[in-house]
Amino acid sequence: MHRRCPRAEPFAQEMTTRIVDVAHTAAAHRTPAGPHQDLDAARQAVATGLDVDDAAELIHGDRLRLGPQPEPAVAAHRGLPHSADEPGPGLLARTGDGSVKRTV
């Protein structure tokens, strides 16, 4: 069994914080319209930030600003459906008549 070294905890938290900050900065830089806009890079930064800390509010805010549908590559990376019509396990799905149902 792998045990964590208590002395390493502050360093691990600092690394996590810095990775999330860089992911947020990259997403924020690549999201606005202009010469630096690259939504695929912004979505990849968000996916990386969520891999490191899935509770990071900054990254979730970036994800919301990027829009409701992630690119297929990011969706596959995070295990998310590509759209509401293509649900993953245990998610809500839109039916043909427009209603929403829970999948198993």
N, C-alpha and C. Protein backbone atom coordinates (compact mmCIF):
# COMPACT_ATOMS: atom_id res chain seq x y z
N MET A 1 0.84 -1.18 0.00
CA MET A 1 0.00 0.00 0.00
C MET A 1 0.88 1.24 0.00
N HIS A 2 0.46 2.22 -0.79
CA HIS A 2 1.23 3.46 -0.93
C HIS A 2 0.77 4.46 0.13
N ARG A 3 1.71 4.96 0.92
CA ARG A 3 1.40 5.97 1.93
C ARG A 3 1.98 7.30 1.49
N ARG A 4 1.25 8.35 1.77
CA ARG A 4 1.74 9.69 1.45
C ARG A 4 2.62 10.19 2.57
N CYS A 5 3.67 10.84 2.20
CA CYS A 5 4.58 11.45 3.16
C CYS A 5 3.98 12.77 3.65
N PRO A 6 3.73 12.92 4.93
CA PRO A 6 3.10 14.16 5.44
C PRO A 6 3.91 15.41 5.11
N ARG A 7 5.23 15.27 5.03
CA ARG A 7 6.05 16.44 4.70
C ARG A 7 5.85 16.89 3.27
N ALA A 8 5.37 16.01 2.41
CA ALA A 8 5.18 16.36 1.00
C ALA A 8 3.84 17.04 0.72
N GLU A 9 2.90 16.96 1.64
CA GLU A 9 1.56 17.52 1.41
C GLU A 9 1.57 18.99 1.02
N PRO A 10 2.31 19.86 1.71
CA PRO A 10 2.31 21.27 1.30
C PRO A 10 2.86 21.47 -0.11
N PHE A 11 3.85 20.67 -0.49
CA PHE A 11 4.42 20.78 -1.83
C PHE A 11 3.43 20.28 -2.88
N ALA A 12 2.73 19.21 -2.58
CA ALA A 12 1.73 18.67 -3.50
C ALA A 12 0.60 19.68 -3.70
N GLN A 13 0.17 20.32 -2.62
CA GLN A 13 -0.89 21.34 -2.73
C GLN A 13 -0.40 22.54 -3.54
N GLU A 14 0.83 22.94 -3.33
CA GLU A 14 1.39 24.07 -4.09
C GLU A 14 1.47 23.73 -5.58
N MET A 15 1.89 22.53 -5.92
CA MET A 15 1.95 22.12 -7.33
C MET A 15 0.56 22.11 -7.95
N THR A 16 -0.41 21.57 -7.22
CA THR A 16 -1.79 21.53 -7.71
C THR A 16 -2.30 22.94 -7.97
N THR A 17 -2.06 23.84 -7.02
CA THR A 17 -2.51 25.23 -7.15
C THR A 17 -1.88 25.90 -8.36
N ARG A 18 -0.59 25.68 -8.56
CA ARG A 18 0.09 26.32 -9.69
C ARG A 18 -0.39 25.75 -11.03
N ILE A 19 -0.62 24.45 -11.10
CA ILE A 19 -1.11 23.85 -12.35
C ILE A 19 -2.49 24.41 -12.68
N VAL A 20 -3.36 24.50 -11.67
CA VAL A 20 -4.70 25.05 -11.89
C VAL A 20 -4.61 26.51 -12.33
N ASP A 21 -3.72 27.29 -11.71
CA ASP A 21 -3.55 28.69 -12.10
C ASP A 21 -3.09 28.83 -13.55
N VAL A 22 -2.14 27.99 -13.95
CA VAL A 22 -1.64 28.05 -15.33
C VAL A 22 -2.73 27.60 -16.30
N ALA A 23 -3.48 26.57 -15.95
CA ALA A 23 -4.57 26.11 -16.81
C ALA A 23 -5.62 27.21 -16.98
N HIS A 24 -5.94 27.89 -15.89
CA HIS A 24 -6.91 29.00 -15.95
C HIS A 24 -6.37 30.13 -16.82
N THR A 25 -5.11 30.48 -16.64
CA THR A 25 -4.51 31.56 -17.43
C THR A 25 -4.51 31.21 -18.91
N ALA A 26 -4.15 29.97 -19.24
CA ALA A 26 -4.14 29.55 -20.64
C ALA A 26 -5.55 29.59 -21.23
N ALA A 27 -6.53 29.09 -20.49
CA ALA A 27 -7.91 29.10 -20.98
C ALA A 27 -8.42 30.53 -21.14
N ALA A 28 -8.12 31.39 -20.17
CA ALA A 28 -8.57 32.78 -20.24
C ALA A 28 -7.91 33.52 -21.40
N HIS A 29 -6.68 33.21 -21.70
CA HIS A 29 -5.95 33.86 -22.79
C HIS A 29 -6.44 33.39 -24.16
N ARG A 30 -6.84 32.13 -24.26
CA ARG A 30 -7.23 31.56 -25.55
C ARG A 30 -8.73 31.66 -25.86
N THR A 31 -9.54 32.13 -24.90
CA THR A 31 -10.99 32.16 -25.10
C THR A 31 -11.50 33.40 -25.84
N PRO A 32 -11.07 34.62 -25.50
CA PRO A 32 -11.66 35.80 -26.15
C PRO A 32 -11.36 35.84 -27.66
N ALA A 33 -12.27 36.46 -28.39
CA ALA A 33 -12.08 36.63 -29.83
C ALA A 33 -10.85 37.50 -30.07
N GLY A 34 -10.11 37.16 -31.10
CA GLY A 34 -8.91 37.93 -31.43
C GLY A 34 -7.85 37.01 -31.99
N PRO A 35 -6.65 37.54 -32.17
CA PRO A 35 -5.59 36.75 -32.80
C PRO A 35 -5.10 35.57 -31.96
N HIS A 36 -5.34 35.62 -30.66
CA HIS A 36 -4.87 34.53 -29.79
C HIS A 36 -5.95 33.50 -29.50
N GLN A 37 -7.15 33.68 -30.06
CA GLN A 37 -8.24 32.75 -29.77
C GLN A 37 -7.93 31.36 -30.34
N ASP A 38 -8.02 30.38 -29.48
CA ASP A 38 -7.85 28.97 -29.86
C ASP A 38 -8.68 28.16 -28.87
N LEU A 39 -9.94 27.92 -29.23
CA LEU A 39 -10.86 27.26 -28.30
C LEU A 39 -10.45 25.83 -28.00
N ASP A 40 -9.82 25.15 -28.96
CA ASP A 40 -9.34 23.80 -28.68
C ASP A 40 -8.27 23.82 -27.60
N ALA A 41 -7.34 24.77 -27.68
CA ALA A 41 -6.30 24.90 -26.65
C ALA A 41 -6.91 25.28 -25.31
N ALA A 42 -7.92 26.16 -25.33
CA ALA A 42 -8.59 26.55 -24.09
C ALA A 42 -9.29 25.35 -23.45
N ARG A 43 -9.94 24.55 -24.27
CA ARG A 43 -10.62 23.35 -23.74
C ARG A 43 -9.62 22.33 -23.22
N GLN A 44 -8.48 22.21 -23.86
CA GLN A 44 -7.45 21.29 -23.38
C GLN A 44 -6.90 21.77 -22.04
N ALA A 45 -6.72 23.09 -21.89
CA ALA A 45 -6.26 23.64 -20.62
C ALA A 45 -7.27 23.36 -19.52
N VAL A 46 -8.56 23.53 -19.84
CA VAL A 46 -9.61 23.23 -18.86
C VAL A 46 -9.58 21.75 -18.48
N ALA A 47 -9.45 20.87 -19.46
CA ALA A 47 -9.41 19.43 -19.18
C ALA A 47 -8.22 19.09 -18.30
N THR A 48 -7.08 19.69 -18.56
CA THR A 48 -5.88 19.44 -17.75
C THR A 48 -6.10 19.94 -16.32
N GLY A 49 -6.65 21.13 -16.19
CA GLY A 49 -6.92 21.67 -14.85
C GLY A 49 -7.88 20.79 -14.07
N LEU A 50 -8.92 20.28 -14.74
CA LEU A 50 -9.88 19.40 -14.06
C LEU A 50 -9.28 18.04 -13.72
N ASP A 51 -8.33 17.58 -14.53
CA ASP A 51 -7.64 16.33 -14.20
C ASP A 51 -6.86 16.47 -12.90
N VAL A 52 -6.28 17.63 -12.69
CA VAL A 52 -5.45 17.87 -11.50
C VAL A 52 -6.32 18.14 -10.28
N ASP A 53 -7.36 18.97 -10.46
CA ASP A 53 -8.25 19.31 -9.33
C ASP A 53 -9.66 19.48 -9.88
N ASP A 54 -10.46 18.44 -9.74
CA ASP A 54 -11.81 18.48 -10.31
C ASP A 54 -12.77 19.37 -9.54
N ALA A 55 -12.31 19.98 -8.44
CA ALA A 55 -13.15 20.89 -7.68
C ALA A 55 -12.73 22.35 -7.83
N ALA A 56 -11.80 22.65 -8.75
CA ALA A 56 -11.29 24.01 -8.91
C ALA A 56 -12.37 24.90 -9.54
N GLU A 57 -12.84 25.87 -8.77
CA GLU A 57 -13.91 26.76 -9.24
C GLU A 57 -13.47 27.59 -10.43
N LEU A 58 -12.22 28.03 -10.45
CA LEU A 58 -11.72 28.82 -11.58
C LEU A 58 -11.87 28.05 -12.88
N ILE A 59 -11.51 26.78 -12.85
CA ILE A 59 -11.55 25.96 -14.05
C ILE A 59 -12.99 25.68 -14.46
N HIS A 60 -13.86 25.44 -13.50
CA HIS A 60 -15.27 25.23 -13.84
C HIS A 60 -15.87 26.49 -14.46
N GLY A 61 -15.45 27.66 -13.98
CA GLY A 61 -15.90 28.92 -14.58
C GLY A 61 -15.43 29.03 -16.03
N ASP A 62 -14.18 28.65 -16.27
CA ASP A 62 -13.65 28.66 -17.64
C ASP A 62 -14.45 27.70 -18.52
N ARG A 63 -14.77 26.55 -17.97
CA ARG A 63 -15.53 25.55 -18.73
C ARG A 63 -16.90 26.09 -19.12
N LEU A 64 -17.55 26.81 -18.19
CA LEU A 64 -18.84 27.40 -18.50
C LEU A 64 -18.72 28.49 -19.56
N ARG A 65 -17.67 29.30 -19.49
CA ARG A 65 -17.48 30.36 -20.49
C ARG A 65 -17.20 29.80 -21.88
N LEU A 66 -16.64 28.61 -21.95
CA LEU A 66 -16.34 28.01 -23.25
C LEU A 66 -17.59 27.50 -23.97
N GLY A 67 -18.68 27.37 -23.26
CA GLY A 67 -19.92 26.95 -23.90
C GLY A 67 -20.36 25.57 -23.47
N PRO A 68 -21.59 25.22 -23.84
CA PRO A 68 -22.20 23.99 -23.34
C PRO A 68 -21.66 22.71 -23.95
N GLN A 69 -21.15 22.75 -25.18
CA GLN A 69 -20.71 21.52 -25.82
C GLN A 69 -19.19 21.50 -25.97
N PRO A 70 -18.52 20.59 -25.26
CA PRO A 70 -17.08 20.47 -25.46
C PRO A 70 -16.77 19.83 -26.80
N GLU A 71 -15.60 20.09 -27.30
CA GLU A 71 -15.14 19.43 -28.52
C GLU A 71 -15.05 17.93 -28.29
N PRO A 72 -15.23 17.09 -29.30
CA PRO A 72 -15.19 15.64 -29.11
C PRO A 72 -13.91 15.14 -28.45
N ALA A 73 -12.76 15.72 -28.78
CA ALA A 73 -11.50 15.26 -28.19
C ALA A 73 -11.47 15.51 -26.69
N VAL A 74 -11.95 16.67 -26.26
CA VAL A 74 -11.97 16.99 -24.83
C VAL A 74 -13.02 16.13 -24.14
N ALA A 75 -14.17 15.94 -24.79
CA ALA A 75 -15.21 15.11 -24.20
C ALA A 75 -14.72 13.68 -24.00
N ALA A 76 -14.01 13.15 -24.97
CA ALA A 76 -13.48 11.80 -24.84
C ALA A 76 -12.43 11.75 -23.75
N HIS A 77 -11.61 12.80 -23.66
CA HIS A 77 -10.55 12.85 -22.63
C HIS A 77 -11.15 12.84 -21.23
N ARG A 78 -12.25 13.58 -21.03
CA ARG A 78 -12.87 13.68 -19.72
C ARG A 78 -13.96 12.63 -19.51
N GLY A 79 -14.26 11.82 -20.52
CA GLY A 79 -15.32 10.82 -20.39
C GLY A 79 -16.70 11.42 -20.45
N LEU A 80 -16.85 12.58 -21.11
CA LEU A 80 -18.13 13.26 -21.20
C LEU A 80 -18.81 12.93 -22.51
N PRO A 81 -20.13 13.06 -22.57
CA PRO A 81 -20.82 12.89 -23.84
C PRO A 81 -20.51 14.08 -24.74
N HIS A 82 -20.61 13.90 -26.06
CA HIS A 82 -20.38 14.99 -27.00
C HIS A 82 -21.54 15.95 -27.00
N SER A 83 -22.73 15.47 -26.74
CA SER A 83 -23.92 16.32 -26.70
C SER A 83 -24.98 15.64 -25.85
N ALA A 84 -26.08 16.35 -25.63
CA ALA A 84 -27.17 15.77 -24.85
C ALA A 84 -27.83 14.60 -25.58
N ASP A 85 -27.65 14.56 -26.90
CA ASP A 85 -28.22 13.46 -27.67
C ASP A 85 -27.35 12.22 -27.63
N GLU A 86 -26.16 12.33 -27.07
CA GLU A 86 -25.19 11.24 -27.03
C GLU A 86 -24.74 11.05 -25.58
N PRO A 87 -25.60 10.54 -24.70
CA PRO A 87 -25.31 10.53 -23.27
C PRO A 87 -24.27 9.50 -22.87
N GLY A 88 -23.61 9.80 -21.78
CA GLY A 88 -22.73 8.84 -21.14
C GLY A 88 -23.53 8.11 -20.08
N PRO A 89 -22.95 7.18 -19.36
CA PRO A 89 -23.68 6.42 -18.35
C PRO A 89 -24.16 7.31 -17.20
N GLY A 90 -25.42 7.13 -16.83
CA GLY A 90 -25.97 7.84 -15.68
C GLY A 90 -26.18 9.32 -15.91
N LEU A 91 -26.26 9.77 -17.15
CA LEU A 91 -26.44 11.18 -17.44
C LEU A 91 -27.84 11.43 -17.99
N LEU A 92 -28.18 12.71 -18.10
CA LEU A 92 -29.46 13.08 -18.68
C LEU A 92 -29.32 13.08 -20.19
N ALA A 93 -30.37 12.64 -20.87
CA ALA A 93 -30.35 12.60 -22.32
C ALA A 93 -31.63 13.24 -22.86
N ARG A 94 -31.49 13.93 -23.97
CA ARG A 94 -32.65 14.53 -24.63
C ARG A 94 -33.24 13.49 -25.59
N THR A 95 -34.55 13.27 -25.48
CA THR A 95 -35.22 12.31 -26.35
C THR A 95 -35.65 13.00 -27.63
N GLY A 96 -36.17 12.23 -28.57
CA GLY A 96 -36.59 12.76 -29.86
C GLY A 96 -37.65 13.82 -29.78
N ASP A 97 -38.54 13.76 -28.75
CA ASP A 97 -39.60 14.74 -28.63
C ASP A 97 -39.17 15.97 -27.82
N GLY A 98 -37.88 16.05 -27.43
CA GLY A 98 -37.37 17.21 -26.71
C GLY A 98 -37.38 17.09 -25.22
N SER A 99 -38.01 16.03 -24.69
CA SER A 99 -38.01 15.85 -23.24
C SER A 99 -36.66 15.29 -22.79
N VAL A 100 -36.42 15.34 -21.50
CA VAL A 100 -35.15 14.87 -20.94
C VAL A 100 -35.41 13.67 -20.05
N LYS A 101 -34.56 12.65 -20.16
CA LYS A 101 -34.69 11.47 -19.32
C LYS A 101 -33.31 11.09 -18.78
N ARG A 102 -33.29 10.39 -17.67
CA ARG A 102 -32.05 9.91 -17.07
C ARG A 102 -31.70 8.57 -17.68
N THR A 103 -30.43 8.42 -18.06
CA THR A 103 -29.98 7.14 -18.60
C THR A 103 -29.37 6.32 -17.46
N VAL A 104 -29.24 5.04 -17.65
CA VAL A 104 -28.68 4.18 -16.61
C VAL A 104 -27.25 3.84 -16.90
